[in-house]
Amino acid sequence: MNRAVLSLMLMLAADLAVAQPRPSTVNRPCSASRHDIIANGAIVLGTGGYTYDRFVRDRSFCELDEYADPAWVPSRDTASCFVGYRCKSGMYD
C-alpha cells in the first residue's frame, strides 16, 4: 500500500507545472533582450507591469497565415528598443 501511495505522489509531483518568471524588457538593456530573441528564435518577454508578448527572430517562427511585424519595446537604456518581430494574423499590407 505504501508503494502505491508513494508512486501516486511521485506521478502527481511530476505533473505539476512550476511557473517560470519571464524576463522583463524594462529591467534589461536593449541588447540583452535582442540577444535572447536571436539566440532562441522565439521568446515571451514581459513589457512592463502585467503585459507580455511573444517576439520572434524572423518570419519562420510565425504561422503560415501570419506575417512578422517589427516590434519596439521599452528597455532599461532606451525608451524604444527594436527587439525583433511579433507575429500578426492576416496578410501584410
PDB file of N, CA and C in Angstrom:
ATOM      1  N   MET A   1       0.822  -1.191   0.000  1.00  0.00           N
ATOM      2  CA  MET A   1       0.000   0.000   0.000  1.00  0.00           C
ATOM      3  C   MET A   1       0.869   1.260   0.000  1.00  0.00           C
ATOM      4  N   ASN A   2       1.920   1.250   0.788  1.00  0.00           N
ATOM      5  CA  ASN A   2       2.811   2.410   0.856  1.00  0.00           C
ATOM      6  C   ASN A   2       3.461   2.697  -0.489  1.00  0.00           C
ATOM      7  N   ARG A   3       3.831   1.657  -1.212  1.00  0.00           N
ATOM      8  CA  ARG A   3       4.440   1.837  -2.533  1.00  0.00           C
ATOM      9  C   ARG A   3       3.459   2.466  -3.509  1.00  0.00           C
ATOM     10  N   ALA A   4       2.195   2.047  -3.440  1.00  0.00           N
ATOM     11  CA  ALA A   4       1.186   2.610  -4.336  1.00  0.00           C
ATOM     12  C   ALA A   4       0.980   4.095  -4.055  1.00  0.00           C
ATOM     13  N   VAL A   5       0.914   4.464  -2.804  1.00  0.00           N
ATOM     14  CA  VAL A   5       0.731   5.869  -2.432  1.00  0.00           C
ATOM     15  C   VAL A   5       1.951   6.683  -2.843  1.00  0.00           C
ATOM     16  N   LEU A   6       3.135   6.145  -2.602  1.00  0.00           N
ATOM     17  CA  LEU A   6       4.361   6.831  -2.980  1.00  0.00           C
ATOM     18  C   LEU A   6       4.446   7.007  -4.494  1.00  0.00           C
ATOM     19  N   SER A   7       4.085   5.978  -5.237  1.00  0.00           N
ATOM     20  CA  SER A   7       4.091   6.063  -6.700  1.00  0.00           C
ATOM     21  C   SER A   7       3.113   7.120  -7.189  1.00  0.00           C
ATOM     22  N   LEU A   8       1.927   7.152  -6.600  1.00  0.00           N
ATOM     23  CA  LEU A   8       0.923   8.142  -6.987  1.00  0.00           C
ATOM     24  C   LEU A   8       1.412   9.553  -6.681  1.00  0.00           C
ATOM     25  N   MET A   9       2.032   9.747  -5.544  1.00  0.00           N
ATOM     26  CA  MET A   9       2.537  11.066  -5.173  1.00  0.00           C
ATOM     27  C   MET A   9       3.646  11.524  -6.119  1.00  0.00           C
ATOM     28  N   LEU A  10       4.507  10.609  -6.520  1.00  0.00           N
ATOM     29  CA  LEU A  10       5.582  10.959  -7.445  1.00  0.00           C
ATOM     30  C   LEU A  10       5.039  11.315  -8.816  1.00  0.00           C
ATOM     31  N   MET A  11       4.020  10.598  -9.281  1.00  0.00           N
ATOM     32  CA  MET A  11       3.418  10.911 -10.577  1.00  0.00           C
ATOM     33  C   MET A  11       2.732  12.275 -10.542  1.00  0.00           C
ATOM     34  N   LEU A  12       2.039  12.589  -9.465  1.00  0.00           N
ATOM     35  CA  LEU A  12       1.379  13.885  -9.343  1.00  0.00           C
ATOM     36  C   LEU A  12       2.395  15.015  -9.267  1.00  0.00           C
ATOM     37  N   ALA A  13       3.472  14.799  -8.551  1.00  0.00           N
ATOM     38  CA  ALA A  13       4.506  15.825  -8.438  1.00  0.00           C
ATOM     39  C   ALA A  13       5.154  16.098  -9.792  1.00  0.00           C
ATOM     40  N   ALA A  14       5.314  15.084 -10.606  1.00  0.00           N
ATOM     41  CA  ALA A  14       5.910  15.253 -11.933  1.00  0.00           C
ATOM     42  C   ALA A  14       4.993  16.034 -12.863  1.00  0.00           C
ATOM     43  N   ASP A  15       3.684  15.971 -12.633  1.00  0.00           N
ATOM     44  CA  ASP A  15       2.727  16.663 -13.488  1.00  0.00           C
ATOM     45  C   ASP A  15       2.545  18.135 -13.140  1.00  0.00           C
ATOM     46  N   LEU A  16       2.935  18.536 -11.952  1.00  0.00           N
ATOM     47  CA  LEU A  16       2.737  19.919 -11.552  1.00  0.00           C
ATOM     48  C   LEU A  16       3.637  20.834 -12.370  1.00  0.00           C
ATOM     49  N   ALA A  17       3.042  21.891 -12.888  1.00  0.00           N
ATOM     50  CA  ALA A  17       3.817  22.868 -13.647  1.00  0.00           C
ATOM     51  C   ALA A  17       4.282  23.969 -12.703  1.00  0.00           C
ATOM     52  N   VAL A  18       5.533  24.280 -12.807  1.00  0.00           N
ATOM     53  CA  VAL A  18       6.097  25.330 -11.978  1.00  0.00           C
ATOM     54  C   VAL A  18       6.182  26.594 -12.828  1.00  0.00           C
ATOM     55  N   ALA A  19       5.606  27.688 -12.332  1.00  0.00           N
ATOM     56  CA  ALA A  19       5.629  28.941 -13.077  1.00  0.00           C
ATOM     57  C   ALA A  19       7.059  29.465 -13.162  1.00  0.00           C
ATOM     58  N   GLN A  20       7.448  29.830 -14.353  1.00  0.00           N
ATOM     59  CA  GLN A  20       8.778  30.368 -14.560  1.00  0.00           C
ATOM     60  C   GLN A  20       8.659  31.870 -14.799  1.00  0.00           C
ATOM     61  N   PRO A  21       9.481  32.649 -14.139  1.00  0.00           N
ATOM     62  CA  PRO A  21       9.419  34.088 -14.380  1.00  0.00           C
ATOM     63  C   PRO A  21       9.909  34.400 -15.786  1.00  0.00           C
ATOM     64  N   ARG A  22       9.259  35.343 -16.442  1.00  0.00           N
ATOM     65  CA  ARG A  22       9.702  35.721 -17.784  1.00  0.00           C
ATOM     66  C   ARG A  22      10.533  37.000 -17.677  1.00  0.00           C
ATOM     67  N   PRO A  23      11.574  37.127 -18.479  1.00  0.00           N
ATOM     68  CA  PRO A  23      12.394  38.330 -18.444  1.00  0.00           C
ATOM     69  C   PRO A  23      11.560  39.553 -18.823  1.00  0.00           C
ATOM     70  N   SER A  24      11.827  40.665 -18.183  1.00  0.00           N
ATOM     71  CA  SER A  24      11.126  41.907 -18.474  1.00  0.00           C
ATOM     72  C   SER A  24      12.044  42.839 -19.247  1.00  0.00           C
ATOM     73  N   THR A  25      11.570  43.382 -20.346  1.00  0.00           N
ATOM     74  CA  THR A  25      12.390  44.269 -21.165  1.00  0.00           C
ATOM     75  C   THR A  25      12.727  45.562 -20.437  1.00  0.00           C
ATOM     76  N   VAL A  26      11.869  46.020 -19.542  1.00  0.00           N
ATOM     77  CA  VAL A  26      12.114  47.300 -18.869  1.00  0.00           C
ATOM     78  C   VAL A  26      13.224  47.206 -17.824  1.00  0.00           C
ATOM     79  N   ASN A  27      13.567  46.006 -17.382  1.00  0.00           N
ATOM     80  CA  ASN A  27      14.622  45.817 -16.393  1.00  0.00           C
ATOM     81  C   ASN A  27      15.960  45.424 -17.014  1.00  0.00           C
ATOM     82  N   ARG A  28      16.008  45.297 -18.329  1.00  0.00           N
ATOM     83  CA  ARG A  28      17.209  44.812 -19.005  1.00  0.00           C
ATOM     84  C   ARG A  28      17.647  45.792 -20.081  1.00  0.00           C
ATOM     85  N   PRO A  29      18.934  45.774 -20.421  1.00  0.00           N
ATOM     86  CA  PRO A  29      19.363  46.598 -21.559  1.00  0.00           C
ATOM     87  C   PRO A  29      18.775  46.057 -22.859  1.00  0.00           C
ATOM     88  N   CYS A  30      18.635  46.917 -23.816  1.00  0.00           N
ATOM     89  CA  CYS A  30      18.069  46.544 -25.119  1.00  0.00           C
ATOM     90  C   CYS A  30      18.825  45.371 -25.735  1.00  0.00           C
ATOM     91  N   SER A  31      20.132  45.401 -25.665  1.00  0.00           N
ATOM     92  CA  SER A  31      20.948  44.362 -26.303  1.00  0.00           C
ATOM     93  C   SER A  31      20.700  42.981 -25.695  1.00  0.00           C
ATOM     94  N   ALA A  32      20.391  42.903 -24.402  1.00  0.00           N
ATOM     95  CA  ALA A  32      20.133  41.606 -23.765  1.00  0.00           C
ATOM     96  C   ALA A  32      18.842  40.982 -24.283  1.00  0.00           C
ATOM     97  N   SER A  33      17.792  41.787 -24.412  1.00  0.00           N
ATOM     98  CA  SER A  33      16.520  41.269 -24.939  1.00  0.00           C
ATOM     99  C   SER A  33      16.690  40.839 -26.388  1.00  0.00           C
ATOM    100  N   ARG A  34      17.371  41.663 -27.179  1.00  0.00           N
ATOM    101  CA  ARG A  34      17.606  41.338 -28.590  1.00  0.00           C
ATOM    102  C   ARG A  34      18.424  40.049 -28.717  1.00  0.00           C
ATOM    103  N   HIS A  35      19.440  39.894 -27.884  1.00  0.00           N
ATOM    104  CA  HIS A  35      20.280  38.690 -27.927  1.00  0.00           C
ATOM    105  C   HIS A  35      19.464  37.437 -27.623  1.00  0.00           C
ATOM    106  N   ASP A  36      18.571  37.498 -26.625  1.00  0.00           N
ATOM    107  CA  ASP A  36      17.743  36.339 -26.282  1.00  0.00           C
ATOM    108  C   ASP A  36      16.856  35.925 -27.442  1.00  0.00           C
ATOM    109  N   ILE A  37      16.310  36.892 -28.154  1.00  0.00           N
ATOM    110  CA  ILE A  37      15.432  36.575 -29.284  1.00  0.00           C
ATOM    111  C   ILE A  37      16.236  35.956 -30.422  1.00  0.00           C
ATOM    112  N   ILE A  38      17.400  36.502 -30.703  1.00  0.00           N
ATOM    113  CA  ILE A  38      18.241  35.945 -31.765  1.00  0.00           C
ATOM    114  C   ILE A  38      18.688  34.532 -31.404  1.00  0.00           C
ATOM    115  N   ALA A  39      19.085  34.320 -30.159  1.00  0.00           N
ATOM    116  CA  ALA A  39      19.585  33.019 -29.733  1.00  0.00           C
ATOM    117  C   ALA A  39      18.505  31.946 -29.704  1.00  0.00           C
ATOM    118  N   ASN A  40      17.283  32.309 -29.274  1.00  0.00           N
ATOM    119  CA  ASN A  40      16.210  31.331 -29.120  1.00  0.00           C
ATOM    120  C   ASN A  40      15.265  31.247 -30.308  1.00  0.00           C
ATOM    121  N   GLY A  41      15.235  32.261 -31.132  1.00  0.00           N
ATOM    122  CA  GLY A  41      14.308  32.267 -32.269  1.00  0.00           C
ATOM    123  C   GLY A  41      12.971  32.856 -31.907  1.00  0.00           C
ATOM    124  N   ALA A  42      12.418  32.471 -30.774  1.00  0.00           N
ATOM    125  CA  ALA A  42      11.142  32.999 -30.291  1.00  0.00           C
ATOM    126  C   ALA A  42      11.156  32.943 -28.770  1.00  0.00           C
ATOM    127  N   ILE A  43      10.632  33.992 -28.134  1.00  0.00           N
ATOM    128  CA  ILE A  43      10.632  34.049 -26.679  1.00  0.00           C
ATOM    129  C   ILE A  43       9.517  34.977 -26.214  1.00  0.00           C
ATOM    130  N   VAL A  44       8.985  34.682 -25.042  1.00  0.00           N
ATOM    131  CA  VAL A  44       7.984  35.553 -24.424  1.00  0.00           C
ATOM    132  C   VAL A  44       8.709  36.469 -23.450  1.00  0.00           C
ATOM    133  N   LEU A  45       8.494  37.771 -23.625  1.00  0.00           N
ATOM    134  CA  LEU A  45       9.118  38.767 -22.757  1.00  0.00           C
ATOM    135  C   LEU A  45       8.058  39.646 -22.131  1.00  0.00           C
ATOM    136  N   GLY A  46       8.252  40.006 -20.880  1.00  0.00           N
ATOM    137  CA  GLY A  46       7.401  40.989 -20.236  1.00  0.00           C
ATOM    138  C   GLY A  46       7.758  42.357 -20.772  1.00  0.00           C
ATOM    139  N   THR A  47       6.749  43.227 -20.934  1.00  0.00           N
ATOM    140  CA  THR A  47       6.994  44.557 -21.492  1.00  0.00           C
ATOM    141  C   THR A  47       6.581  45.667 -20.534  1.00  0.00           C
ATOM    142  N   GLY A  48       6.403  45.324 -19.272  1.00  0.00           N
ATOM    143  CA  GLY A  48       6.042  46.313 -18.264  1.00  0.00           C
ATOM    144  C   GLY A  48       4.757  45.926 -17.560  1.00  0.00           C
ATOM    145  N   GLY A  49       4.762  45.999 -16.244  1.00  0.00           N
ATOM    146  CA  GLY A  49       3.567  45.631 -15.479  1.00  0.00           C
ATOM    147  C   GLY A  49       3.194  44.181 -15.710  1.00  0.00           C
ATOM    148  N   TYR A  50       1.931  43.961 -16.050  1.00  0.00           N
ATOM    149  CA  TYR A  50       1.452  42.600 -16.305  1.00  0.00           C
ATOM    150  C   TYR A  50       1.330  42.306 -17.795  1.00  0.00           C
ATOM    151  N   THR A  51       1.954  43.100 -18.644  1.00  0.00           N
ATOM    152  CA  THR A  51       1.872  42.885 -20.090  1.00  0.00           C
ATOM    153  C   THR A  51       3.066  42.064 -20.574  1.00  0.00           C
ATOM    154  N   TYR A  52       2.832  41.295 -21.603  1.00  0.00           N
ATOM    155  CA  TYR A  52       3.879  40.466 -22.195  1.00  0.00           C
ATOM    156  C   TYR A  52       3.493  40.175 -23.631  1.00  0.00           C
ATOM    157  N   ASP A  53       4.452  39.683 -24.400  1.00  0.00           N
ATOM    158  CA  ASP A  53       4.183  39.309 -25.787  1.00  0.00           C
ATOM    159  C   ASP A  53       5.244  38.313 -26.229  1.00  0.00           C
ATOM    160  N   ARG A  54       4.958  37.658 -27.327  1.00  0.00           N
ATOM    161  CA  ARG A  54       5.898  36.708 -27.930  1.00  0.00           C
ATOM    162  C   ARG A  54       6.626  37.434 -29.047  1.00  0.00           C
ATOM    163  N   PHE A  55       7.940  37.390 -29.005  1.00  0.00           N
ATOM    164  CA  PHE A  55       8.770  38.045 -30.006  1.00  0.00           C
ATOM    165  C   PHE A  55       9.565  36.988 -30.752  1.00  0.00           C
ATOM    166  N   VAL A  56       9.743  37.208 -32.051  1.00  0.00           N
ATOM    167  CA  VAL A  56      10.427  36.225 -32.895  1.00  0.00           C
ATOM    168  C   VAL A  56      11.590  36.868 -33.633  1.00  0.00           C
ATOM    169  N   ARG A  57      12.522  36.025 -34.047  1.00  0.00           N
ATOM    170  CA  ARG A  57      13.699  36.476 -34.795  1.00  0.00           C
ATOM    171  C   ARG A  57      13.334  36.838 -36.228  1.00  0.00           C
ATOM    172  N   ASP A  58      12.476  36.021 -36.850  1.00  0.00           N
ATOM    173  CA  ASP A  58      12.095  36.266 -38.238  1.00  0.00           C
ATOM    174  C   ASP A  58      10.778  35.560 -38.553  1.00  0.00           C
ATOM    175  N   ARG A  59      10.306  35.695 -39.752  1.00  0.00           N
ATOM    176  CA  ARG A  59       9.006  35.170 -40.198  1.00  0.00           C
ATOM    177  C   ARG A  59       8.893  33.654 -40.050  1.00  0.00           C
ATOM    178  N   SER A  60      10.013  32.944 -40.052  1.00  0.00           N
ATOM    179  CA  SER A  60       9.971  31.483 -39.979  1.00  0.00           C
ATOM    180  C   SER A  60       9.398  30.973 -38.653  1.00  0.00           C
ATOM    181  N   PHE A  61       9.292  31.817 -37.637  1.00  0.00           N
ATOM    182  CA  PHE A  61       8.729  31.428 -36.353  1.00  0.00           C
ATOM    183  C   PHE A  61       7.243  31.774 -36.238  1.00  0.00           C
ATOM    184  N   CYS A  62       6.654  32.271 -37.322  1.00  0.00           N
ATOM    185  CA  CYS A  62       5.226  32.592 -37.356  1.00  0.00           C
ATOM    186  C   CYS A  62       4.462  31.475 -38.068  1.00  0.00           C
ATOM    187  N   GLU A  63       3.143  31.451 -37.868  1.00  0.00           N
ATOM    188  CA  GLU A  63       2.286  30.501 -38.572  1.00  0.00           C
ATOM    189  C   GLU A  63       2.192  30.894 -40.051  1.00  0.00           C
ATOM    190  N   LEU A  64       1.670  29.994 -40.876  1.00  0.00           N
ATOM    191  CA  LEU A  64       1.590  30.249 -42.307  1.00  0.00           C
ATOM    192  C   LEU A  64       0.718  31.450 -42.656  1.00  0.00           C
ATOM    193  N   ASP A  65      -0.329  31.698 -41.859  1.00  0.00           N
ATOM    194  CA  ASP A  65      -1.243  32.808 -42.150  1.00  0.00           C
ATOM    195  C   ASP A  65      -0.868  34.086 -41.386  1.00  0.00           C
ATOM    196  N   GLU A  66       0.360  34.168 -40.884  1.00  0.00           N
ATOM    197  CA  GLU A  66       0.815  35.330 -40.135  1.00  0.00           C
ATOM    198  C   GLU A  66       1.999  35.999 -40.840  1.00  0.00           C
ATOM    199  N   TYR A  67       2.215  37.254 -40.515  1.00  0.00           N
ATOM    200  CA  TYR A  67       3.382  37.969 -41.006  1.00  0.00           C
ATOM    201  C   TYR A  67       4.162  38.520 -39.819  1.00  0.00           C
ATOM    202  N   ALA A  68       5.412  38.850 -40.033  1.00  0.00           N
ATOM    203  CA  ALA A  68       6.264  39.382 -38.972  1.00  0.00           C
ATOM    204  C   ALA A  68       6.194  40.903 -38.995  1.00  0.00           C
ATOM    205  N   ASP A  69       5.741  41.480 -37.892  1.00  0.00           N
ATOM    206  CA  ASP A  69       5.597  42.923 -37.753  1.00  0.00           C
ATOM    207  C   ASP A  69       6.709  43.427 -36.823  1.00  0.00           C
ATOM    208  N   PRO A  70       7.487  44.440 -37.233  1.00  0.00           N
ATOM    209  CA  PRO A  70       8.567  44.934 -36.379  1.00  0.00           C
ATOM    210  C   PRO A  70       8.059  45.338 -34.998  1.00  0.00           C
ATOM    211  N   ALA A  71       8.853  45.025 -33.961  1.00  0.00           N
ATOM    212  CA  ALA A  71       8.434  45.283 -32.582  1.00  0.00           C
ATOM    213  C   ALA A  71       9.469  46.134 -31.853  1.00  0.00           C
ATOM    214  N   TRP A  72       8.987  47.209 -31.242  1.00  0.00           N
ATOM    215  CA  TRP A  72       9.809  48.064 -30.395  1.00  0.00           C
ATOM    216  C   TRP A  72       9.235  48.005 -28.996  1.00  0.00           C
ATOM    217  N   VAL A  73      10.092  47.889 -28.003  1.00  0.00           N
ATOM    218  CA  VAL A  73       9.663  47.782 -26.605  1.00  0.00           C
ATOM    219  C   VAL A  73      10.492  48.732 -25.740  1.00  0.00           C
ATOM    220  N   PRO A  74       9.971  49.098 -24.564  1.00  0.00           N
ATOM    221  CA  PRO A  74      10.790  49.891 -23.651  1.00  0.00           C
ATOM    222  C   PRO A  74      11.862  49.012 -23.019  1.00  0.00           C
ATOM    223  N   SER A  75      13.033  49.576 -22.794  1.00  0.00           N
ATOM    224  CA  SER A  75      14.101  48.830 -22.121  1.00  0.00           C
ATOM    225  C   SER A  75      14.765  49.740 -21.088  1.00  0.00           C
ATOM    226  N   ARG A  76      15.692  49.181 -20.342  1.00  0.00           N
ATOM    227  CA  ARG A  76      16.351  49.942 -19.285  1.00  0.00           C
ATOM    228  C   ARG A  76      17.146  51.120 -19.838  1.00  0.00           C
ATOM    229  N   ASP A  77      17.748  50.955 -21.024  1.00  0.00           N
ATOM    230  CA  ASP A  77      18.613  52.001 -21.549  1.00  0.00           C
ATOM    231  C   ASP A  77      18.025  52.831 -22.689  1.00  0.00           C
ATOM    232  N   THR A  78      16.841  52.486 -23.168  1.00  0.00           N
ATOM    233  CA  THR A  78      16.203  53.278 -24.225  1.00  0.00           C
ATOM    234  C   THR A  78      14.685  53.119 -24.153  1.00  0.00           C
ATOM    235  N   ALA A  79      13.984  54.156 -24.555  1.00  0.00           N
ATOM    236  CA  ALA A  79      12.513  54.126 -24.497  1.00  0.00           C
ATOM    237  C   ALA A  79      11.909  53.295 -25.625  1.00  0.00           C
ATOM    238  N   SER A  80      12.639  53.142 -26.723  1.00  0.00           N
ATOM    239  CA  SER A  80      12.121  52.404 -27.872  1.00  0.00           C
ATOM    240  C   SER A  80      13.225  51.532 -28.453  1.00  0.00           C
ATOM    241  N   CYS A  81      13.191  50.265 -28.100  1.00  0.00           N
ATOM    242  CA  CYS A  81      14.227  49.303 -28.486  1.00  0.00           C
ATOM    243  C   CYS A  81      13.668  48.314 -29.510  1.00  0.00           C
ATOM    244  N   PHE A  82      14.303  48.213 -30.671  1.00  0.00           N
ATOM    245  CA  PHE A  82      13.899  47.200 -31.657  1.00  0.00           C
ATOM    246  C   PHE A  82      14.443  45.854 -31.204  1.00  0.00           C
ATOM    247  N   VAL A  83      13.541  44.915 -30.875  1.00  0.00           N
ATOM    248  CA  VAL A  83      13.975  43.604 -30.400  1.00  0.00           C
ATOM    249  C   VAL A  83      13.789  42.496 -31.422  1.00  0.00           C
ATOM    250  N   GLY A  84      12.964  42.716 -32.406  1.00  0.00           N
ATOM    251  CA  GLY A  84      12.663  41.677 -33.387  1.00  0.00           C
ATOM    252  C   GLY A  84      11.283  41.918 -33.957  1.00  0.00           C
ATOM    253  N   TYR A  85      10.482  40.856 -33.994  1.00  0.00           N
ATOM    254  CA  TYR A  85       9.179  40.936 -34.635  1.00  0.00           C
ATOM    255  C   TYR A  85       8.104  40.273 -33.773  1.00  0.00           C
ATOM    256  N   ARG A  86       6.858  40.665 -34.005  1.00  0.00           N
ATOM    257  CA  ARG A  86       5.685  39.997 -33.464  1.00  0.00           C
ATOM    258  C   ARG A  86       4.948  39.363 -34.628  1.00  0.00           C
ATOM    259  N   CYS A  87       4.401  38.189 -34.415  1.00  0.00           N
ATOM    260  CA  CYS A  87       3.601  37.539 -35.452  1.00  0.00           C
ATOM    261  C   CYS A  87       2.189  38.111 -35.398  1.00  0.00           C
ATOM    262  N   LYS A  88       1.710  38.590 -36.535  1.00  0.00           N
ATOM    263  CA  LYS A  88       0.370  39.164 -36.627  1.00  0.00           C
ATOM    264  C   LYS A  88      -0.450  38.364 -37.644  1.00  0.00           C
ATOM    265  N   SER A  89      -1.726  38.201 -37.353  1.00  0.00           N
ATOM    266  CA  SER A  89      -2.614  37.465 -38.253  1.00  0.00           C
ATOM    267  C   SER A  89      -2.940  38.279 -39.490  1.00  0.00           C
ATOM    268  N   GLY A  90      -3.162  37.584 -40.596  1.00  0.00           N
ATOM    269  CA  GLY A  90      -3.584  38.234 -41.818  1.00  0.00           C
ATOM    270  C   GLY A  90      -2.437  38.444 -42.791  1.00  0.00           C
ATOM    271  N   MET A  91      -2.783  39.055 -43.903  1.00  0.00           N
ATOM    272  CA  MET A  91      -1.786  39.327 -44.939  1.00  0.00           C
ATOM    273  C   MET A  91      -1.128  40.674 -44.664  1.00  0.00           C
ATOM    274  N   TYR A  92       0.159  40.753 -44.919  1.00  0.00           N
ATOM    275  CA  TYR A  92       0.893  42.007 -44.748  1.00  0.00           C
ATOM    276  C   TYR A  92       0.466  42.986 -45.814  1.00  0.00           C
ATOM    277  N   ASP A  93       0.169  44.216 -45.431  1.00  0.00           N
ATOM    278  CA  ASP A  93      -0.262  45.239 -46.405  1.00  0.00           C
ATOM    279  C   ASP A  93       0.917  45.909 -47.056  1.00  0.00           C
TER     280      ASP A  93
END
